[in-house]
Amino acid sequence: MGSLELKKQLVAETKERFDRAQSVVLIEYRGLNVAEITELRAQLRAAGVEMKVVKNTLVQRAAEEHGVPDLKGYLVGPTAEVFSIQDPVSGPKILAEFAKTHKQLVIKAGVLENKVIDADGVKALADLPSREVLLAQVLAGIQGPLTGMANVLQGPLRKFVYAVEALRKEKEQA
């Protein structure tokens, strides 16, 4: 396979990742050693997040084909792309946590719903609760009123049972 075919294949694969991802984060990893990068990749992989390093010009071309032409200013220097496939929050959350203890990791920008967001936008995205937490909150919100409604509906039934029991005891004594 020639160099041009290889580049076209890398662009196609990167565009396909853009298409599948719910969010994408561009990071600069200069200064991280191999063990730190391996640790980061393992954390990302465990959350179903893909981290790839592709030549910046090829990423730019794939982003343009995907419909995000505004990444050029962020694709400077060693850049890795982090694709959050399952939900938009998991990748940014892991990166933000990792950056707290590894100052060399720089969050450059991100893509959410085909819009470029700056580093602050990525950090704000990281502060959102994960999908599982949001689902738990919704279920708790639904469950509370249902429990209350069940108690309200059981009240008259309880009173009826108490009344029948009192009537039975009264009949026994008579």
C-alpha atoms as a PDB file:
ATOM      1  CA  MET A   1       0.000   0.000   0.000  1.00  0.00           C
ATOM      2  CA  GLY A   2       1.413   3.369  -0.996  1.00  0.00           C
ATOM      3  CA  SER A   3       1.748   6.417   1.188  1.00  0.00           C
ATOM      4  CA  LEU A   4      -1.266   8.165  -0.364  1.00  0.00           C
ATOM      5  CA  GLU A   5      -3.510   5.121   0.128  1.00  0.00           C
ATOM      6  CA  LEU A   6      -2.373   4.830   3.750  1.00  0.00           C
ATOM      7  CA  LYS A   7      -3.188   8.515   4.377  1.00  0.00           C
ATOM      8  CA  LYS A   8      -6.621   8.097   2.777  1.00  0.00           C
ATOM      9  CA  GLN A   9      -7.263   5.056   4.984  1.00  0.00           C
ATOM     10  CA  LEU A  10      -6.208   6.977   8.138  1.00  0.00           C
ATOM     11  CA  VAL A  11      -8.487   9.894   7.185  1.00  0.00           C
ATOM     12  CA  ALA A  12     -11.395   7.487   6.603  1.00  0.00           C
ATOM     13  CA  GLU A  13     -10.816   5.720   9.951  1.00  0.00           C
ATOM     14  CA  THR A  14     -10.549   9.034  11.808  1.00  0.00           C
ATOM     15  CA  LYS A  15     -13.703  10.381  10.139  1.00  0.00           C
ATOM     16  CA  GLU A  16     -15.522   7.181  11.130  1.00  0.00           C
ATOM     17  CA  ARG A  17     -14.447   7.772  14.761  1.00  0.00           C
ATOM     18  CA  PHE A  18     -15.739  11.362  14.537  1.00  0.00           C
ATOM     19  CA  ASP A  19     -19.031   9.975  13.188  1.00  0.00           C
ATOM     20  CA  ARG A  20     -19.403   7.472  16.070  1.00  0.00           C
ATOM     21  CA  ALA A  21     -18.187   9.753  18.874  1.00  0.00           C
ATOM     22  CA  GLN A  22     -20.557  11.699  21.081  1.00  0.00           C
ATOM     23  CA  SER A  23     -17.667  14.008  21.969  1.00  0.00           C
ATOM     24  CA  VAL A  24     -14.040  14.422  20.928  1.00  0.00           C
ATOM     25  CA  VAL A  25     -11.256  16.049  22.944  1.00  0.00           C
ATOM     26  CA  LEU A  26      -7.911  17.199  21.579  1.00  0.00           C
ATOM     27  CA  ILE A  27      -5.065  16.936  24.073  1.00  0.00           C
ATOM     28  CA  GLU A  28      -1.374  17.689  24.106  1.00  0.00           C
ATOM     29  CA  TYR A  29       0.552  14.905  25.795  1.00  0.00           C
ATOM     30  CA  ARG A  30       4.085  16.330  25.507  1.00  0.00           C
ATOM     31  CA  GLY A  31       5.978  15.674  28.753  1.00  0.00           C
ATOM     32  CA  LEU A  32       4.099  12.526  29.737  1.00  0.00           C
ATOM     33  CA  ASN A  33       6.248   9.416  29.896  1.00  0.00           C
ATOM     34  CA  VAL A  34       5.293   6.041  28.431  1.00  0.00           C
ATOM     35  CA  ALA A  35       3.978   4.706  31.768  1.00  0.00           C
ATOM     36  CA  GLU A  36       1.731   7.753  32.233  1.00  0.00           C
ATOM     37  CA  ILE A  37       0.363   7.533  28.692  1.00  0.00           C
ATOM     38  CA  THR A  38      -0.236   3.794  29.180  1.00  0.00           C
ATOM     39  CA  GLU A  39      -2.086   4.524  32.440  1.00  0.00           C
ATOM     40  CA  LEU A  40      -4.226   7.174  30.712  1.00  0.00           C
ATOM     41  CA  ARG A  41      -5.038   4.872  27.795  1.00  0.00           C
ATOM     42  CA  ALA A  42      -6.048   2.093  30.218  1.00  0.00           C
ATOM     43  CA  GLN A  43      -8.410   4.430  32.103  1.00  0.00           C
ATOM     44  CA  LEU A  44      -9.943   5.621  28.838  1.00  0.00           C
ATOM     45  CA  ARG A  45     -10.275   2.109  27.410  1.00  0.00           C
ATOM     46  CA  ALA A  46     -12.027   0.910  30.599  1.00  0.00           C
ATOM     47  CA  ALA A  47     -14.668   3.610  30.018  1.00  0.00           C
ATOM     48  CA  GLY A  48     -15.132   2.724  26.338  1.00  0.00           C
ATOM     49  CA  VAL A  49     -13.188   5.779  25.166  1.00  0.00           C
ATOM     50  CA  GLU A  50     -10.691   5.637  22.291  1.00  0.00           C
ATOM     51  CA  MET A  51      -7.429   7.614  22.212  1.00  0.00           C
ATOM     52  CA  LYS A  52      -5.622   7.916  18.885  1.00  0.00           C
ATOM     53  CA  VAL A  53      -2.631   9.872  17.641  1.00  0.00           C
ATOM     54  CA  VAL A  54      -2.925  10.744  13.968  1.00  0.00           C
ATOM     55  CA  LYS A  55      -1.015  13.352  11.996  1.00  0.00           C
ATOM     56  CA  ASN A  56      -2.664  16.760  12.492  1.00  0.00           C
ATOM     57  CA  THR A  57      -3.251  17.404   8.783  1.00  0.00           C
ATOM     58  CA  LEU A  58      -5.077  14.073   8.470  1.00  0.00           C
ATOM     59  CA  VAL A  59      -7.205  14.821  11.533  1.00  0.00           C
ATOM     60  CA  GLN A  60      -8.061  18.220  10.025  1.00  0.00           C
ATOM     61  CA  ARG A  61      -9.113  16.570   6.777  1.00  0.00           C
ATOM     62  CA  ALA A  62     -11.241  13.960   8.625  1.00  0.00           C
ATOM     63  CA  ALA A  63     -12.859  16.679  10.771  1.00  0.00           C
ATOM     64  CA  GLU A  64     -13.701  18.699   7.666  1.00  0.00           C
ATOM     65  CA  GLU A  65     -15.253  15.634   6.020  1.00  0.00           C
ATOM     66  CA  HIS A  66     -17.259  15.083   9.211  1.00  0.00           C
ATOM     67  CA  GLY A  67     -18.497  18.689   9.138  1.00  0.00           C
ATOM     68  CA  VAL A  68     -16.219  20.358  11.716  1.00  0.00           C
ATOM     69  CA  PRO A  69     -13.877  22.696   9.802  1.00  0.00           C
ATOM     70  CA  ASP A  70     -12.760  24.870  12.749  1.00  0.00           C
ATOM     71  CA  LEU A  71     -10.110  22.631  14.376  1.00  0.00           C
ATOM     72  CA  LYS A  72      -7.060  23.906  12.499  1.00  0.00           C
ATOM     73  CA  GLY A  73      -6.003  26.363  15.230  1.00  0.00           C
ATOM     74  CA  TYR A  74      -5.930  23.553  17.810  1.00  0.00           C
ATOM     75  CA  LEU A  75      -4.076  21.009  15.681  1.00  0.00           C
ATOM     76  CA  VAL A  76      -0.580  22.286  16.433  1.00  0.00           C
ATOM     77  CA  GLY A  77       2.193  20.241  18.019  1.00  0.00           C
ATOM     78  CA  PRO A  78       1.822  16.706  19.344  1.00  0.00           C
ATOM     79  CA  THR A  79      -1.929  16.185  19.564  1.00  0.00           C
ATOM     80  CA  ALA A  80      -3.945  13.120  20.514  1.00  0.00           C
ATOM     81  CA  GLU A  81      -7.640  12.707  19.830  1.00  0.00           C
ATOM     82  CA  VAL A  82      -9.902  11.216  22.492  1.00  0.00           C
ATOM     83  CA  PHE A  83     -13.219   9.869  21.173  1.00  0.00           C
ATOM     84  CA  SER A  84     -16.043   9.311  23.700  1.00  0.00           C
ATOM     85  CA  ILE A  85     -18.258   6.748  22.028  1.00  0.00           C
ATOM     86  CA  GLN A  86     -20.835   5.776  24.687  1.00  0.00           C
ATOM     87  CA  ASP A  87     -21.575   9.175  26.206  1.00  0.00           C
ATOM     88  CA  PRO A  88     -20.174  12.694  25.791  1.00  0.00           C
ATOM     89  CA  VAL A  89     -18.971  13.032  29.398  1.00  0.00           C
ATOM     90  CA  SER A  90     -16.759   9.999  30.120  1.00  0.00           C
ATOM     91  CA  GLY A  91     -13.701  11.050  28.079  1.00  0.00           C
ATOM     92  CA  PRO A  92     -13.611  14.677  29.269  1.00  0.00           C
ATOM     93  CA  LYS A  93     -14.166  13.531  32.880  1.00  0.00           C
ATOM     94  CA  ILE A  94     -11.210  11.094  32.792  1.00  0.00           C
ATOM     95  CA  LEU A  95      -8.964  13.658  31.073  1.00  0.00           C
ATOM     96  CA  ALA A  96      -9.837  16.415  33.554  1.00  0.00           C
ATOM     97  CA  GLU A  97      -9.114  14.109  36.515  1.00  0.00           C
ATOM     98  CA  PHE A  98      -5.862  12.910  34.949  1.00  0.00           C
ATOM     99  CA  ALA A  99      -4.774  16.511  34.215  1.00  0.00           C
ATOM    100  CA  LYS A 100      -5.140  17.384  37.930  1.00  0.00           C
ATOM    101  CA  THR A 101      -2.282  15.035  38.827  1.00  0.00           C
ATOM    102  CA  HIS A 102      -0.347  15.264  35.548  1.00  0.00           C
ATOM    103  CA  LYS A 103       0.168  18.945  34.738  1.00  0.00           C
ATOM    104  CA  GLN A 104       1.892  18.074  31.434  1.00  0.00           C
ATOM    105  CA  LEU A 105      -1.442  16.942  29.968  1.00  0.00           C
ATOM    106  CA  VAL A 106      -3.050  19.929  28.245  1.00  0.00           C
ATOM    107  CA  ILE A 107      -6.660  19.886  27.124  1.00  0.00           C
ATOM    108  CA  LYS A 108      -6.688  21.976  23.946  1.00  0.00           C
ATOM    109  CA  ALA A 109     -10.283  21.831  22.693  1.00  0.00           C
ATOM    110  CA  GLY A 110     -13.168  19.535  21.999  1.00  0.00           C
ATOM    111  CA  VAL A 111     -16.006  18.796  19.642  1.00  0.00           C
ATOM    112  CA  LEU A 112     -19.563  18.360  20.900  1.00  0.00           C
ATOM    113  CA  GLU A 113     -22.492  18.010  18.493  1.00  0.00           C
ATOM    114  CA  ASN A 114     -20.237  19.099  15.604  1.00  0.00           C
ATOM    115  CA  LYS A 115     -19.364  22.365  17.379  1.00  0.00           C
ATOM    116  CA  VAL A 116     -15.844  23.209  18.538  1.00  0.00           C
ATOM    117  CA  ILE A 117     -15.602  23.983  22.256  1.00  0.00           C
ATOM    118  CA  ASP A 118     -12.555  25.452  23.967  1.00  0.00           C
ATOM    119  CA  ALA A 119     -10.675  23.916  26.917  1.00  0.00           C
ATOM    120  CA  ASP A 120     -13.035  25.574  29.414  1.00  0.00           C
ATOM    121  CA  GLY A 121     -15.988  24.045  27.576  1.00  0.00           C
ATOM    122  CA  VAL A 122     -14.381  20.609  27.823  1.00  0.00           C
ATOM    123  CA  LYS A 123     -13.816  21.125  31.569  1.00  0.00           C
ATOM    124  CA  ALA A 124     -17.461  22.194  31.988  1.00  0.00           C
ATOM    125  CA  LEU A 125     -18.497  19.046  30.134  1.00  0.00           C
ATOM    126  CA  ALA A 126     -16.320  17.015  32.508  1.00  0.00           C
ATOM    127  CA  ASP A 127     -18.194  18.495  35.477  1.00  0.00           C
ATOM    128  CA  LEU A 128     -21.527  17.108  34.248  1.00  0.00           C
ATOM    129  CA  PRO A 129     -22.711  13.886  35.860  1.00  0.00           C
ATOM    130  CA  SER A 130     -22.205  10.699  33.872  1.00  0.00           C
ATOM    131  CA  ARG A 131     -25.052   8.998  32.050  1.00  0.00           C
ATOM    132  CA  GLU A 132     -25.419   6.407  34.837  1.00  0.00           C
ATOM    133  CA  VAL A 133     -25.662   9.115  37.528  1.00  0.00           C
ATOM    134  CA  LEU A 134     -28.245  11.040  35.490  1.00  0.00           C
ATOM    135  CA  LEU A 135     -30.309   7.869  34.992  1.00  0.00           C
ATOM    136  CA  ALA A 136     -30.131   7.133  38.730  1.00  0.00           C
ATOM    137  CA  GLN A 137     -31.280  10.689  39.502  1.00  0.00           C
ATOM    138  CA  VAL A 138     -34.188  10.387  37.064  1.00  0.00           C
ATOM    139  CA  LEU A 139     -35.203   7.025  38.518  1.00  0.00           C
ATOM    140  CA  ALA A 140     -35.028   8.412  42.059  1.00  0.00           C
ATOM    141  CA  GLY A 141     -37.159  11.349  40.948  1.00  0.00           C
ATOM    142  CA  ILE A 142     -39.743   8.969  39.495  1.00  0.00           C
ATOM    143  CA  GLN A 143     -39.574   6.514  42.375  1.00  0.00           C
ATOM    144  CA  GLY A 144     -40.251   9.123  45.083  1.00  0.00           C
ATOM    145  CA  PRO A 145     -43.701  10.165  43.818  1.00  0.00           C
ATOM    146  CA  LEU A 146     -44.612   6.541  43.042  1.00  0.00           C
ATOM    147  CA  THR A 147     -43.813   5.502  46.619  1.00  0.00           C
ATOM    148  CA  GLY A 148     -45.872   8.409  47.926  1.00  0.00           C
ATOM    149  CA  MET A 149     -48.763   7.495  45.647  1.00  0.00           C
ATOM    150  CA  ALA A 150     -48.623   3.850  46.794  1.00  0.00           C
ATOM    151  CA  ASN A 151     -48.797   5.013  50.424  1.00  0.00           C
ATOM    152  CA  VAL A 152     -51.753   7.282  49.650  1.00  0.00           C
ATOM    153  CA  LEU A 153     -53.590   4.469  47.872  1.00  0.00           C
ATOM    154  CA  GLN A 154     -52.890   2.032  50.727  1.00  0.00           C
ATOM    155  CA  GLY A 155     -54.326   4.428  53.344  1.00  0.00           C
ATOM    156  CA  PRO A 156     -58.045   3.829  52.607  1.00  0.00           C
ATOM    157  CA  LEU A 157     -57.390   0.106  52.224  1.00  0.00           C
ATOM    158  CA  ARG A 158     -55.690   0.032  55.648  1.00  0.00           C
ATOM    159  CA  LYS A 159     -58.588   1.933  57.215  1.00  0.00           C
ATOM    160  CA  PHE A 160     -61.051  -0.523  55.656  1.00  0.00           C
ATOM    161  CA  VAL A 161     -59.106  -3.505  57.041  1.00  0.00           C
ATOM    162  CA  TYR A 162     -59.007  -1.894  60.513  1.00  0.00           C
ATOM    163  CA  ALA A 163     -62.762  -1.220  60.326  1.00  0.00           C
ATOM    164  CA  VAL A 164     -63.531  -4.819  59.307  1.00  0.00           C
ATOM    165  CA  GLU A 165     -61.263  -6.123  62.075  1.00  0.00           C
ATOM    166  CA  ALA A 166     -62.982  -3.882  64.641  1.00  0.00           C
ATOM    167  CA  LEU A 167     -66.376  -5.055  63.386  1.00  0.00           C
ATOM    168  CA  ARG A 168     -65.265  -8.701  63.665  1.00  0.00           C
ATOM    169  CA  LYS A 169     -64.077  -8.182  67.260  1.00  0.00           C
ATOM    170  CA  GLU A 170     -67.336  -6.419  68.104  1.00  0.00           C
ATOM    171  CA  LYS A 171     -69.342  -9.322  66.652  1.00  0.00           C
ATOM    172  CA  GLU A 172     -67.252 -11.844  68.649  1.00  0.00           C
ATOM    173  CA  GLN A 173     -67.957 -10.019  71.891  1.00  0.00           C
ATOM    174  CA  ALA A 174     -71.656  -9.798  71.208  1.00  0.00           C
END
